[in-house]
C-alpha cells in the first residue's frame, strides 16, 4: 500500500469523533478500539479494500467466519487489510476472539 494512503487512513481514524459511531469515518475504514469495532458494519472502499486501524490500549485480533483474511495475532497497534475485490455479494462476519461481543461485518454489494 502506498505510504500516503496509509497515512491518510491513520489520520482519518485518529480524527474520528468517538461519541458518534459513524462520525468522520471513511468507506472501508474500521477503528479497532478498546472492545469495539467502529463502525460495526462497513462497506469496502472504491478499490474493494477494508482497513482496520488499531487505536486502543488493549490487544485484539480479527477472525472471519469464512476463515479468509484473518488477523489472528493479538496486537495492540497497527493496521490490517482485506481485499474484497471479486468477492461474492453478501455479508462477511468477523470478531475479536479475545473479547466476547466484539463483532463486526463487511457488506459487499
PDB file of N, CA and C in Angstrom:
ATOM      1  N   UNK A   1       0.860  -1.170   0.000  1.00  0.00           N
ATOM      2  CA  UNK A   1       0.000   0.000   0.000  1.00  0.00           C
ATOM      3  C   UNK A   1       0.901   1.226   0.000  1.00  0.00           C
ATOM      4  N   UNK A   2       0.584   2.194  -0.823  1.00  0.00           N
ATOM      5  CA  UNK A   2       1.385   3.413  -0.833  1.00  0.00           C
ATOM      6  C   UNK A   2       1.372   4.070   0.538  1.00  0.00           C
ATOM      7  N   UNK A   3       2.523   4.622   0.911  1.00  0.00           N
ATOM      8  CA  UNK A   3       2.675   5.245   2.232  1.00  0.00           C
ATOM      9  C   UNK A   3       1.678   6.377   2.444  1.00  0.00           C
ATOM     10  N   UNK A   4       1.393   7.178   1.427  1.00  0.00           N
ATOM     11  CA  UNK A   4       0.446   8.285   1.572  1.00  0.00           C
ATOM     12  C   UNK A   4      -0.935   7.774   1.948  1.00  0.00           C
ATOM     13  N   UNK A   5      -1.397   6.698   1.305  1.00  0.00           N
ATOM     14  CA  UNK A   5      -2.716   6.152   1.631  1.00  0.00           C
ATOM     15  C   UNK A   5      -2.747   5.674   3.078  1.00  0.00           C
ATOM     16  N   UNK A   6      -1.691   5.003   3.518  1.00  0.00           N
ATOM     17  CA  UNK A   6      -1.599   4.550   4.908  1.00  0.00           C
ATOM     18  C   UNK A   6      -1.710   5.736   5.862  1.00  0.00           C
ATOM     19  N   UNK A   7      -0.968   6.792   5.597  1.00  0.00           N
ATOM     20  CA  UNK A   7      -1.001   7.959   6.476  1.00  0.00           C
ATOM     21  C   UNK A   7      -2.376   8.609   6.495  1.00  0.00           C
ATOM     22  N   UNK A   8      -3.039   8.659   5.362  1.00  0.00           N
ATOM     23  CA  UNK A   8      -4.387   9.226   5.317  1.00  0.00           C
ATOM     24  C   UNK A   8      -5.372   8.376   6.110  1.00  0.00           C
ATOM     25  N   UNK A   9      -5.248   7.061   6.015  1.00  0.00           N
ATOM     26  CA  UNK A   9      -6.135   6.178   6.773  1.00  0.00           C
ATOM     27  C   UNK A   9      -5.924   6.339   8.267  1.00  0.00           C
ATOM     28  N   UNK A  10      -4.674   6.405   8.690  1.00  0.00           N
ATOM     29  CA  UNK A  10      -4.388   6.579  10.112  1.00  0.00           C
ATOM     30  C   UNK A  10      -4.895   7.928  10.595  1.00  0.00           C
ATOM     31  N   UNK A  11      -4.681   8.968   9.816  1.00  0.00           N
ATOM     32  CA  UNK A  11      -5.164  10.300  10.198  1.00  0.00           C
ATOM     33  C   UNK A  11      -6.685  10.327  10.312  1.00  0.00           C
ATOM     34  N   UNK A  12      -7.364   9.661   9.395  1.00  0.00           N
ATOM     35  CA  UNK A  12      -8.824   9.607   9.452  1.00  0.00           C
ATOM     36  C   UNK A  12      -9.293   8.879  10.705  1.00  0.00           C
ATOM     37  N   UNK A  13      -8.630   7.791  11.055  1.00  0.00           N
ATOM     38  CA  UNK A  13      -9.031   7.021  12.240  1.00  0.00           C
ATOM     39  C   UNK A  13      -8.787   7.810  13.514  1.00  0.00           C
ATOM     40  N   UNK A  14      -7.676   8.496  13.601  1.00  0.00           N
ATOM     41  CA  UNK A  14      -7.366   9.266  14.796  1.00  0.00           C
ATOM     42  C   UNK A  14      -8.312  10.444  14.944  1.00  0.00           C
ATOM     43  N   UNK A  15      -8.739  11.013  13.830  1.00  0.00           N
ATOM     44  CA  UNK A  15      -9.595  12.187  13.871  1.00  0.00           C
ATOM     45  C   UNK A  15     -11.071  11.902  14.071  1.00  0.00           C
ATOM     46  N   UNK A  16     -11.461  10.644  14.223  1.00  0.00           N
ATOM     47  CA  UNK A  16     -12.871  10.301  14.364  1.00  0.00           C
ATOM     48  C   UNK A  16     -13.416  10.743  15.713  1.00  0.00           C
ATOM     49  N   UNK A  17     -14.650  11.207  15.711  1.00  0.00           N
ATOM     50  CA  UNK A  17     -15.356  11.530  16.938  1.00  0.00           C
ATOM     51  C   UNK A  17     -15.887  10.228  17.526  1.00  0.00           C
ATOM     52  N   UNK A  18     -15.369   9.819  18.693  1.00  0.00           N
ATOM     53  CA  UNK A  18     -15.741   8.528  19.258  1.00  0.00           C
ATOM     54  C   UNK A  18     -17.107   8.539  19.915  1.00  0.00           C
ATOM     55  N   UNK A  19     -17.770   9.696  20.020  1.00  0.00           N
ATOM     56  CA  UNK A  19     -19.104   9.729  20.602  1.00  0.00           C
ATOM     57  C   UNK A  19     -20.172   9.372  19.577  1.00  0.00           C
ATOM     58  N   UNK A  20     -19.871   9.490  18.308  1.00  0.00           N
ATOM     59  CA  UNK A  20     -20.807   9.158  17.228  1.00  0.00           C
ATOM     60  C   UNK A  20     -20.202   8.035  16.409  1.00  0.00           C
ATOM     61  N   UNK A  21     -20.812   6.831  16.428  1.00  0.00           N
ATOM     62  CA  UNK A  21     -20.201   5.676  15.777  1.00  0.00           C
ATOM     63  C   UNK A  21     -19.879   5.859  14.299  1.00  0.00           C
ATOM     64  N   UNK A  22     -20.556   6.742  13.597  1.00  0.00           N
ATOM     65  CA  UNK A  22     -20.303   6.901  12.170  1.00  0.00           C
ATOM     66  C   UNK A  22     -19.657   8.236  11.821  1.00  0.00           C
ATOM     67  N   UNK A  23     -19.343   9.032  12.815  1.00  0.00           N
ATOM     68  CA  UNK A  23     -18.808  10.368  12.571  1.00  0.00           C
ATOM     69  C   UNK A  23     -17.402  10.315  11.988  1.00  0.00           C
ATOM     70  N   UNK A  24     -17.199  10.946  10.840  1.00  0.00           N
ATOM     71  CA  UNK A  24     -15.880  11.106  10.260  1.00  0.00           C
ATOM     72  C   UNK A  24     -15.290   9.854   9.652  1.00  0.00           C
ATOM     73  N   UNK A  25     -16.034   8.777   9.605  1.00  0.00           N
ATOM     74  CA  UNK A  25     -15.463   7.544   9.089  1.00  0.00           C
ATOM     75  C   UNK A  25     -15.470   7.528   7.572  1.00  0.00           C
ATOM     76  N   UNK A  26     -14.449   6.934   7.029  1.00  0.00           N
ATOM     77  CA  UNK A  26     -14.302   6.808   5.591  1.00  0.00           C
ATOM     78  C   UNK A  26     -14.781   5.421   5.156  1.00  0.00           C
ATOM     79  N   UNK A  27     -15.299   5.297   3.936  1.00  0.00           N
ATOM     80  CA  UNK A  27     -15.665   3.961   3.441  1.00  0.00           C
ATOM     81  C   UNK A  27     -14.453   3.030   3.516  1.00  0.00           C
ATOM     82  N   UNK A  28     -14.687   1.830   3.999  1.00  0.00           N
ATOM     83  CA  UNK A  28     -13.618   0.849   4.064  1.00  0.00           C
ATOM     84  C   UNK A  28     -12.682   0.982   5.247  1.00  0.00           C
ATOM     85  N   UNK A  29     -12.970   1.866   6.193  1.00  0.00           N
ATOM     86  CA  UNK A  29     -12.088   2.090   7.333  1.00  0.00           C
ATOM     87  C   UNK A  29     -12.794   1.715   8.628  1.00  0.00           C
ATOM     88  N   UNK A  30     -12.146   0.850   9.423  1.00  0.00           N
ATOM     89  CA  UNK A  30     -12.683   0.424  10.710  1.00  0.00           C
ATOM     90  C   UNK A  30     -11.650   0.744  11.784  1.00  0.00           C
ATOM     91  N   UNK A  31     -12.094   1.389  12.843  1.00  0.00           N
ATOM     92  CA  UNK A  31     -11.245   1.622  14.004  1.00  0.00           C
ATOM     93  C   UNK A  31     -11.404   0.447  14.954  1.00  0.00           C
ATOM     94  N   UNK A  32     -10.279  -0.112  15.385  1.00  0.00           N
ATOM     95  CA  UNK A  32     -10.282  -1.173  16.386  1.00  0.00           C
ATOM     96  C   UNK A  32      -9.936  -0.501  17.707  1.00  0.00           C
ATOM     97  N   UNK A  33     -10.941  -0.366  18.576  1.00  0.00           N
ATOM     98  CA  UNK A  33     -10.726   0.303  19.852  1.00  0.00           C
ATOM     99  C   UNK A  33     -10.791  -0.678  20.989  1.00  0.00           C
ATOM    100  N   UNK A  34     -10.835  -0.142  22.187  1.00  0.00           N
ATOM    101  CA  UNK A  34     -10.903  -0.997  23.356  1.00  0.00           C
ATOM    102  C   UNK A  34     -12.277  -1.637  23.439  1.00  0.00           C
ATOM    103  N   UNK A  35     -12.338  -2.857  22.913  1.00  0.00           N
ATOM    104  CA  UNK A  35     -13.521  -3.712  22.919  1.00  0.00           C
ATOM    105  C   UNK A  35     -14.633  -3.270  21.974  1.00  0.00           C
ATOM    106  N   UNK A  36     -14.271  -2.640  20.850  1.00  0.00           N
ATOM    107  CA  UNK A  36     -15.265  -2.312  19.832  1.00  0.00           C
ATOM    108  C   UNK A  36     -14.614  -2.200  18.463  1.00  0.00           C
ATOM    109  N   UNK A  37     -15.422  -2.444  17.445  1.00  0.00           N
ATOM    110  CA  UNK A  37     -15.092  -2.112  16.065  1.00  0.00           C
ATOM    111  C   UNK A  37     -16.012  -0.964  15.692  1.00  0.00           C
ATOM    112  N   UNK A  38     -15.480   0.087  15.080  1.00  0.00           N
ATOM    113  CA  UNK A  38     -16.311   1.222  14.700  1.00  0.00           C
ATOM    114  C   UNK A  38     -15.979   1.621  13.284  1.00  0.00           C
ATOM    115  N   UNK A  39     -16.932   1.587  12.389  1.00  0.00           N
ATOM    116  CA  UNK A  39     -18.321   1.187  12.575  1.00  0.00           C
ATOM    117  C   UNK A  39     -18.436  -0.336  12.658  1.00  0.00           C
ATOM    118  N   UNK A  40     -19.559  -0.803  13.139  1.00  0.00           N
ATOM    119  CA  UNK A  40     -19.797  -2.234  13.265  1.00  0.00           C
ATOM    120  C   UNK A  40     -20.037  -2.846  11.887  1.00  0.00           C
ATOM    121  N   UNK A  41     -20.713  -2.115  11.032  1.00  0.00           N
ATOM    122  CA  UNK A  41     -20.965  -2.554   9.652  1.00  0.00           C
ATOM    123  C   UNK A  41     -20.193  -1.626   8.728  1.00  0.00           C
ATOM    124  N   UNK A  42     -19.378  -2.209   7.862  1.00  0.00           N
ATOM    125  CA  UNK A  42     -18.546  -1.410   6.966  1.00  0.00           C
ATOM    126  C   UNK A  42     -18.708  -1.922   5.538  1.00  0.00           C
ATOM    127  N   UNK A  43     -18.550  -1.000   4.596  1.00  0.00           N
ATOM    128  CA  UNK A  43     -18.560  -1.330   3.169  1.00  0.00           C
ATOM    129  C   UNK A  43     -17.153  -1.077   2.633  1.00  0.00           C
ATOM    130  N   UNK A  44     -16.646  -1.934   1.767  1.00  0.00           N
ATOM    131  CA  UNK A  44     -15.311  -1.707   1.202  1.00  0.00           C
ATOM    132  C   UNK A  44     -15.225  -0.352   0.510  1.00  0.00           C
ATOM    133  N   UNK A  45     -14.009   0.187   0.443  1.00  0.00           N
ATOM    134  CA  UNK A  45     -13.805   1.441  -0.279  1.00  0.00           C
ATOM    135  C   UNK A  45     -13.925   1.191  -1.778  1.00  0.00           C
ATOM    136  N   UNK A  46     -13.724   2.214  -2.584  1.00  0.00           N
ATOM    137  CA  UNK A  46     -13.939   2.074  -4.029  1.00  0.00           C
ATOM    138  C   UNK A  46     -12.963   1.096  -4.678  1.00  0.00           C
ATOM    139  N   UNK A  47     -11.875   0.743  -3.992  1.00  0.00           N
ATOM    140  CA  UNK A  47     -10.923  -0.234  -4.510  1.00  0.00           C
ATOM    141  C   UNK A  47     -11.188  -1.641  -3.988  1.00  0.00           C
ATOM    142  N   UNK A  48     -12.264  -1.810  -3.209  1.00  0.00           N
ATOM    143  CA  UNK A  48     -12.605  -3.121  -2.673  1.00  0.00           C
ATOM    144  C   UNK A  48     -11.895  -3.475  -1.381  1.00  0.00           C
ATOM    145  N   UNK A  49     -11.215  -2.513  -0.772  1.00  0.00           N
ATOM    146  CA  UNK A  49     -10.391  -2.771   0.407  1.00  0.00           C
ATOM    147  C   UNK A  49     -11.105  -2.328   1.680  1.00  0.00           C
ATOM    148  N   UNK A  50     -10.951  -3.129   2.733  1.00  0.00           N
ATOM    149  CA  UNK A  50     -11.336  -2.720   4.082  1.00  0.00           C
ATOM    150  C   UNK A  50     -10.060  -2.713   4.914  1.00  0.00           C
ATOM    151  N   UNK A  51      -9.866  -1.639   5.669  1.00  0.00           N
ATOM    152  CA  UNK A  51      -8.676  -1.482   6.501  1.00  0.00           C
ATOM    153  C   UNK A  51      -9.088  -1.299   7.950  1.00  0.00           C
ATOM    154  N   UNK A  52      -8.496  -2.095   8.830  1.00  0.00           N
ATOM    155  CA  UNK A  52      -8.712  -1.958  10.266  1.00  0.00           C
ATOM    156  C   UNK A  52      -7.488  -1.277  10.846  1.00  0.00           C
ATOM    157  N   UNK A  53      -7.713  -0.227  11.650  1.00  0.00           N
ATOM    158  CA  UNK A  53      -6.633   0.526  12.278  1.00  0.00           C
ATOM    159  C   UNK A  53      -6.811   0.429  13.787  1.00  0.00           C
ATOM    160  N   UNK A  54      -5.804  -0.119  14.458  1.00  0.00           N
ATOM    161  CA  UNK A  54      -5.854  -0.237  15.905  1.00  0.00           C
ATOM    162  C   UNK A  54      -5.665   1.136  16.534  1.00  0.00           C
ATOM    163  N   UNK A  55      -6.488   1.438  17.557  1.00  0.00           N
ATOM    164  CA  UNK A  55      -6.391   2.730  18.206  1.00  0.00           C
ATOM    165  C   UNK A  55      -6.557   2.676  19.712  1.00  0.00           C
ATOM    166  N   UNK A  56      -6.781   1.515  20.281  1.00  0.00           N
ATOM    167  CA  UNK A  56      -6.980   1.403  21.722  1.00  0.00           C
ATOM    168  C   UNK A  56      -5.710   0.969  22.436  1.00  0.00           C
ATOM    169  N   UNK A  57      -5.869   0.635  23.684  1.00  0.00           N
ATOM    170  CA  UNK A  57      -4.743   0.210  24.509  1.00  0.00           C
ATOM    171  C   UNK A  57      -4.652  -1.317  24.627  1.00  0.00           C
ATOM    172  N   UNK A  58      -5.770  -2.024  24.430  1.00  0.00           N
ATOM    173  CA  UNK A  58      -5.803  -3.467  24.608  1.00  0.00           C
ATOM    174  C   UNK A  58      -5.460  -4.193  23.315  1.00  0.00           C
ATOM    175  N   UNK A  59      -5.065  -5.447  23.442  1.00  0.00           N
ATOM    176  CA  UNK A  59      -4.765  -6.259  22.261  1.00  0.00           C
ATOM    177  C   UNK A  59      -6.056  -6.853  21.703  1.00  0.00           C
ATOM    178  N   UNK A  60      -6.110  -6.958  20.380  1.00  0.00           N
ATOM    179  CA  UNK A  60      -7.271  -7.512  19.684  1.00  0.00           C
ATOM    180  C   UNK A  60      -6.794  -8.296  18.477  1.00  0.00           C
ATOM    181  N   UNK A  61      -7.686  -9.111  17.947  1.00  0.00           N
ATOM    182  CA  UNK A  61      -7.423  -9.801  16.694  1.00  0.00           C
ATOM    183  C   UNK A  61      -8.675  -9.703  15.823  1.00  0.00           C
ATOM    184  N   UNK A  62      -8.574 -10.216  14.604  1.00  0.00           N
ATOM    185  CA  UNK A  62      -9.710 -10.232  13.686  1.00  0.00           C
ATOM    186  C   UNK A  62      -9.774 -11.632  13.091  1.00  0.00           C
ATOM    187  N   UNK A  63     -10.907 -12.293  13.303  1.00  0.00           N
ATOM    188  CA  UNK A  63     -11.103 -13.644  12.767  1.00  0.00           C
ATOM    189  C   UNK A  63     -12.438 -13.660  12.031  1.00  0.00           C
ATOM    190  N   UNK A  64     -12.389 -13.980  10.734  1.00  0.00           N
ATOM    191  CA  UNK A  64     -13.587 -14.024   9.898  1.00  0.00           C
ATOM    192  C   UNK A  64     -14.271 -15.375  10.009  1.00  0.00           C
ATOM    193  N   UNK A  65     -15.586 -15.365   9.944  1.00  0.00           N
ATOM    194  CA  UNK A  65     -16.371 -16.603   9.968  1.00  0.00           C
ATOM    195  C   UNK A  65     -16.015 -17.494   8.782  1.00  0.00           C
ATOM    196  N   UNK A  66     -15.640 -16.870   7.629  1.00  0.00           N
ATOM    197  CA  UNK A  66     -15.287 -17.667   6.453  1.00  0.00           C
ATOM    198  C   UNK A  66     -13.829 -18.120   6.467  1.00  0.00           C
ATOM    199  N   UNK A  67     -13.066 -17.701   7.485  1.00  0.00           N
ATOM    200  CA  UNK A  67     -11.678 -18.126   7.615  1.00  0.00           C
ATOM    201  C   UNK A  67     -10.704 -17.480   6.657  1.00  0.00           C
ATOM    202  N   UNK A  68     -11.165 -16.529   5.843  1.00  0.00           N
ATOM    203  CA  UNK A  68     -10.308 -15.863   4.859  1.00  0.00           C
ATOM    204  C   UNK A  68      -9.972 -14.465   5.366  1.00  0.00           C
ATOM    205  N   UNK A  69      -8.728 -14.059   5.250  1.00  0.00           N
ATOM    206  CA  UNK A  69      -8.345 -12.701   5.598  1.00  0.00           C
ATOM    207  C   UNK A  69      -8.229 -12.436   7.078  1.00  0.00           C
ATOM    208  N   UNK A  70      -8.049 -13.484   7.874  1.00  0.00           N
ATOM    209  CA  UNK A  70      -7.922 -13.313   9.319  1.00  0.00           C
ATOM    210  C   UNK A  70      -6.651 -12.557   9.691  1.00  0.00           C
ATOM    211  N   UNK A  71      -6.688 -11.934  10.852  1.00  0.00           N
ATOM    212  CA  UNK A  71      -5.519 -11.377  11.512  1.00  0.00           C
ATOM    213  C   UNK A  71      -5.546 -11.985  12.914  1.00  0.00           C
ATOM    214  N   UNK A  72      -5.104 -13.262  13.042  1.00  0.00           N
ATOM    215  CA  UNK A  72      -5.292 -13.990  14.288  1.00  0.00           C
ATOM    216  C   UNK A  72      -4.368 -13.558  15.431  1.00  0.00           C
ATOM    217  N   UNK A  73      -3.275 -12.863  15.111  1.00  0.00           N
ATOM    218  CA  UNK A  73      -2.350 -12.455  16.162  1.00  0.00           C
ATOM    219  C   UNK A  73      -2.973 -11.359  17.015  1.00  0.00           C
ATOM    220  N   UNK A  74      -2.807 -11.472  18.316  1.00  0.00           N
ATOM    221  CA  UNK A  74      -3.310 -10.460  19.238  1.00  0.00           C
ATOM    222  C   UNK A  74      -2.307  -9.311  19.288  1.00  0.00           C
ATOM    223  N   UNK A  75      -2.725  -8.149  18.782  1.00  0.00           N
ATOM    224  CA  UNK A  75      -1.840  -6.985  18.752  1.00  0.00           C
ATOM    225  C   UNK A  75      -2.565  -5.758  19.292  1.00  0.00           C
ATOM    226  N   UNK A  76      -1.794  -4.776  19.738  1.00  0.00           N
ATOM    227  CA  UNK A  76      -2.361  -3.552  20.297  1.00  0.00           C
ATOM    228  C   UNK A  76      -2.215  -2.358  19.363  1.00  0.00           C
ATOM    229  N   UNK A  77      -1.505  -2.531  18.245  1.00  0.00           N
ATOM    230  CA  UNK A  77      -1.332  -1.416  17.315  1.00  0.00           C
ATOM    231  C   UNK A  77      -1.104  -1.960  15.914  1.00  0.00           C
ATOM    232  N   UNK A  78      -1.271  -1.078  14.932  1.00  0.00           N
ATOM    233  CA  UNK A  78      -1.006  -1.445  13.556  1.00  0.00           C
ATOM    234  C   UNK A  78      -2.238  -1.365  12.684  1.00  0.00           C
ATOM    235  N   UNK A  79      -2.140  -1.953  11.495  1.00  0.00           N
ATOM    236  CA  UNK A  79      -3.256  -1.986  10.555  1.00  0.00           C
ATOM    237  C   UNK A  79      -3.366  -3.390   9.977  1.00  0.00           C
ATOM    238  N   UNK A  80      -4.553  -3.694   9.469  1.00  0.00           N
ATOM    239  CA  UNK A  80      -4.804  -4.951   8.771  1.00  0.00           C
ATOM    240  C   UNK A  80      -5.716  -4.629   7.598  1.00  0.00           C
ATOM    241  N   UNK A  81      -5.474  -5.258   6.472  1.00  0.00           N
ATOM    242  CA  UNK A  81      -6.283  -5.005   5.280  1.00  0.00           C
ATOM    243  C   UNK A  81      -6.796  -6.322   4.713  1.00  0.00           C
ATOM    244  N   UNK A  82      -8.001  -6.267   4.143  1.00  0.00           N
ATOM    245  CA  UNK A  82      -8.532  -7.405   3.385  1.00  0.00           C
ATOM    246  C   UNK A  82      -9.139  -6.850   2.112  1.00  0.00           C
ATOM    247  N   UNK A  83      -8.813  -7.492   1.007  1.00  0.00           N
ATOM    248  CA  UNK A  83      -9.297  -7.079  -0.309  1.00  0.00           C
ATOM    249  C   UNK A  83     -10.554  -7.880  -0.653  1.00  0.00           C
ATOM    250  N   UNK A  84     -11.661  -7.175  -0.868  1.00  0.00           N
ATOM    251  CA  UNK A  84     -12.918  -7.810  -1.225  1.00  0.00           C
ATOM    252  C   UNK A  84     -13.219  -7.691  -2.716  1.00  0.00           C
ATOM    253  N   UNK A  85     -12.225  -7.277  -3.503  1.00  0.00           N
ATOM    254  CA  UNK A  85     -12.396  -7.215  -4.945  1.00  0.00           C
ATOM    255  C   UNK A  85     -12.720  -8.615  -5.469  1.00  0.00           C
ATOM    256  N   UNK A  86     -13.804  -8.740  -6.198  1.00  0.00           N
ATOM    257  CA  UNK A  86     -14.196 -10.027  -6.743  1.00  0.00           C
ATOM    258  C   UNK A  86     -14.921 -10.936  -5.760  1.00  0.00           C
ATOM    259  N   UNK A  87     -15.117 -10.466  -4.530  1.00  0.00           N
ATOM    260  CA  UNK A  87     -15.830 -11.290  -3.543  1.00  0.00           C
ATOM    261  C   UNK A  87     -17.309 -11.362  -3.910  1.00  0.00           C
ATOM    262  N   UNK A  88     -17.936 -12.456  -3.565  1.00  0.00           N
ATOM    263  CA  UNK A  88     -19.376 -12.591  -3.784  1.00  0.00           C
ATOM    264  C   UNK A  88     -20.121 -11.567  -2.941  1.00  0.00           C
ATOM    265  N   UNK A  89     -21.236 -11.061  -3.480  1.00  0.00           N
ATOM    266  CA  UNK A  89     -22.073 -10.153  -2.708  1.00  0.00           C
ATOM    267  C   UNK A  89     -22.538 -10.862  -1.451  1.00  0.00           C
ATOM    268  N   UNK A  90     -22.612 -10.114  -0.366  1.00  0.00           N
ATOM    269  CA  UNK A  90     -23.074 -10.690   0.881  1.00  0.00           C
ATOM    270  C   UNK A  90     -22.442 -10.027   2.077  1.00  0.00           C
ATOM    271  N   UNK A  91     -22.665 -10.630   3.228  1.00  0.00           N
ATOM    272  CA  UNK A  91     -22.151 -10.104   4.487  1.00  0.00           C
ATOM    273  C   UNK A  91     -21.083 -11.046   5.015  1.00  0.00           C
ATOM    274  N   UNK A  92     -19.944 -10.487   5.367  1.00  0.00           N
ATOM    275  CA  UNK A  92     -18.803 -11.237   5.882  1.00  0.00           C
ATOM    276  C   UNK A  92     -18.624 -10.862   7.355  1.00  0.00           C
ATOM    277  N   UNK A  93     -18.936 -11.816   8.227  1.00  0.00           N
ATOM    278  CA  UNK A  93     -18.879 -11.577   9.671  1.00  0.00           C
ATOM    279  C   UNK A  93     -17.460 -11.803  10.193  1.00  0.00           C
ATOM    280  N   UNK A  94     -17.066 -10.984  11.171  1.00  0.00           N
ATOM    281  CA  UNK A  94     -15.775 -11.167  11.828  1.00  0.00           C
ATOM    282  C   UNK A  94     -15.912 -10.803  13.303  1.00  0.00           C
ATOM    283  N   UNK A  95     -14.915 -11.189  14.088  1.00  0.00           N
ATOM    284  CA  UNK A  95     -14.944 -10.913  15.522  1.00  0.00           C
ATOM    285  C   UNK A  95     -13.521 -10.879  16.070  1.00  0.00           C
ATOM    286  N   UNK A  96     -13.393 -10.255  17.217  1.00  0.00           N
ATOM    287  CA  UNK A  96     -12.186 -10.392  18.021  1.00  0.00           C
ATOM    288  C   UNK A  96     -12.456 -11.571  18.939  1.00  0.00           C
ATOM    289  N   UNK A  97     -11.681 -12.633  18.803  1.00  0.00           N
ATOM    290  CA  UNK A  97     -11.928 -13.833  19.598  1.00  0.00           C
ATOM    291  C   UNK A  97     -11.464 -13.683  21.040  1.00  0.00           C
ATOM    292  N   UNK A  98     -10.825 -12.567  21.358  1.00  0.00           N
ATOM    293  CA  UNK A  98     -10.344 -12.323  22.719  1.00  0.00           C
ATOM    294  C   UNK A  98     -11.392 -11.642  23.595  1.00  0.00           C
ATOM    295  N   UNK A  99     -12.402 -11.031  22.983  1.00  0.00           N
ATOM    296  CA  UNK A  99     -13.392 -10.255  23.729  1.00  0.00           C
ATOM    297  C   UNK A  99     -14.794 -10.587  23.253  1.00  0.00           C
ATOM    298  N   UNK A 100     -15.570 -11.204  24.129  1.00  0.00           N
ATOM    299  CA  UNK A 100     -16.948 -11.580  23.789  1.00  0.00           C
ATOM    300  C   UNK A 100     -17.754 -10.358  23.379  1.00  0.00           C
ATOM    301  N   UNK A 101     -18.500 -10.492  22.308  1.00  0.00           N
ATOM    302  CA  UNK A 101     -19.366  -9.414  21.838  1.00  0.00           C
ATOM    303  C   UNK A 101     -18.690  -8.405  20.926  1.00  0.00           C
ATOM    304  N   UNK A 102     -17.388  -8.535  20.730  1.00  0.00           N
ATOM    305  CA  UNK A 102     -16.669  -7.608  19.837  1.00  0.00           C
ATOM    306  C   UNK A 102     -16.745  -8.192  18.435  1.00  0.00           C
ATOM    307  N   UNK A 103     -17.770  -7.744  17.687  1.00  0.00           N
ATOM    308  CA  UNK A 103     -18.051  -8.304  16.369  1.00  0.00           C
ATOM    309  C   UNK A 103     -18.301  -7.196  15.360  1.00  0.00           C
ATOM    310  N   UNK A 104     -18.155  -7.538  14.104  1.00  0.00           N
ATOM    311  CA  UNK A 104     -18.452  -6.608  13.033  1.00  0.00           C
ATOM    312  C   UNK A 104     -18.769  -7.369  11.763  1.00  0.00           C
ATOM    313  N   UNK A 105     -19.115  -6.612  10.734  1.00  0.00           N
ATOM    314  CA  UNK A 105     -19.390  -7.247   9.453  1.00  0.00           C
ATOM    315  C   UNK A 105     -19.039  -6.315   8.317  1.00  0.00           C
ATOM    316  N   UNK A 106     -18.644  -6.942   7.204  1.00  0.00           N
ATOM    317  CA  UNK A 106     -18.353  -6.243   5.961  1.00  0.00           C
ATOM    318  C   UNK A 106     -19.457  -6.600   5.005  1.00  0.00           C
ATOM    319  N   UNK A 107     -20.098  -5.587   4.423  1.00  0.00           N
ATOM    320  CA  UNK A 107     -21.175  -5.816   3.462  1.00  0.00           C
ATOM    321  C   UNK A 107     -20.657  -5.490   2.077  1.00  0.00           C
ATOM    322  N   UNK A 108     -20.686  -6.496   1.218  1.00  0.00           N
ATOM    323  CA  UNK A 108     -20.233  -6.340  -0.163  1.00  0.00           C
ATOM    324  C   UNK A 108     -21.473  -6.325  -1.039  1.00  0.00           C
ATOM    325  N   UNK A 109     -21.700  -5.195  -1.723  1.00  0.00           N
ATOM    326  CA  UNK A 109     -22.890  -5.127  -2.585  1.00  0.00           C
ATOM    327  C   UNK A 109     -22.719  -5.938  -3.850  1.00  0.00           C
TER     328      UNK A 109
END
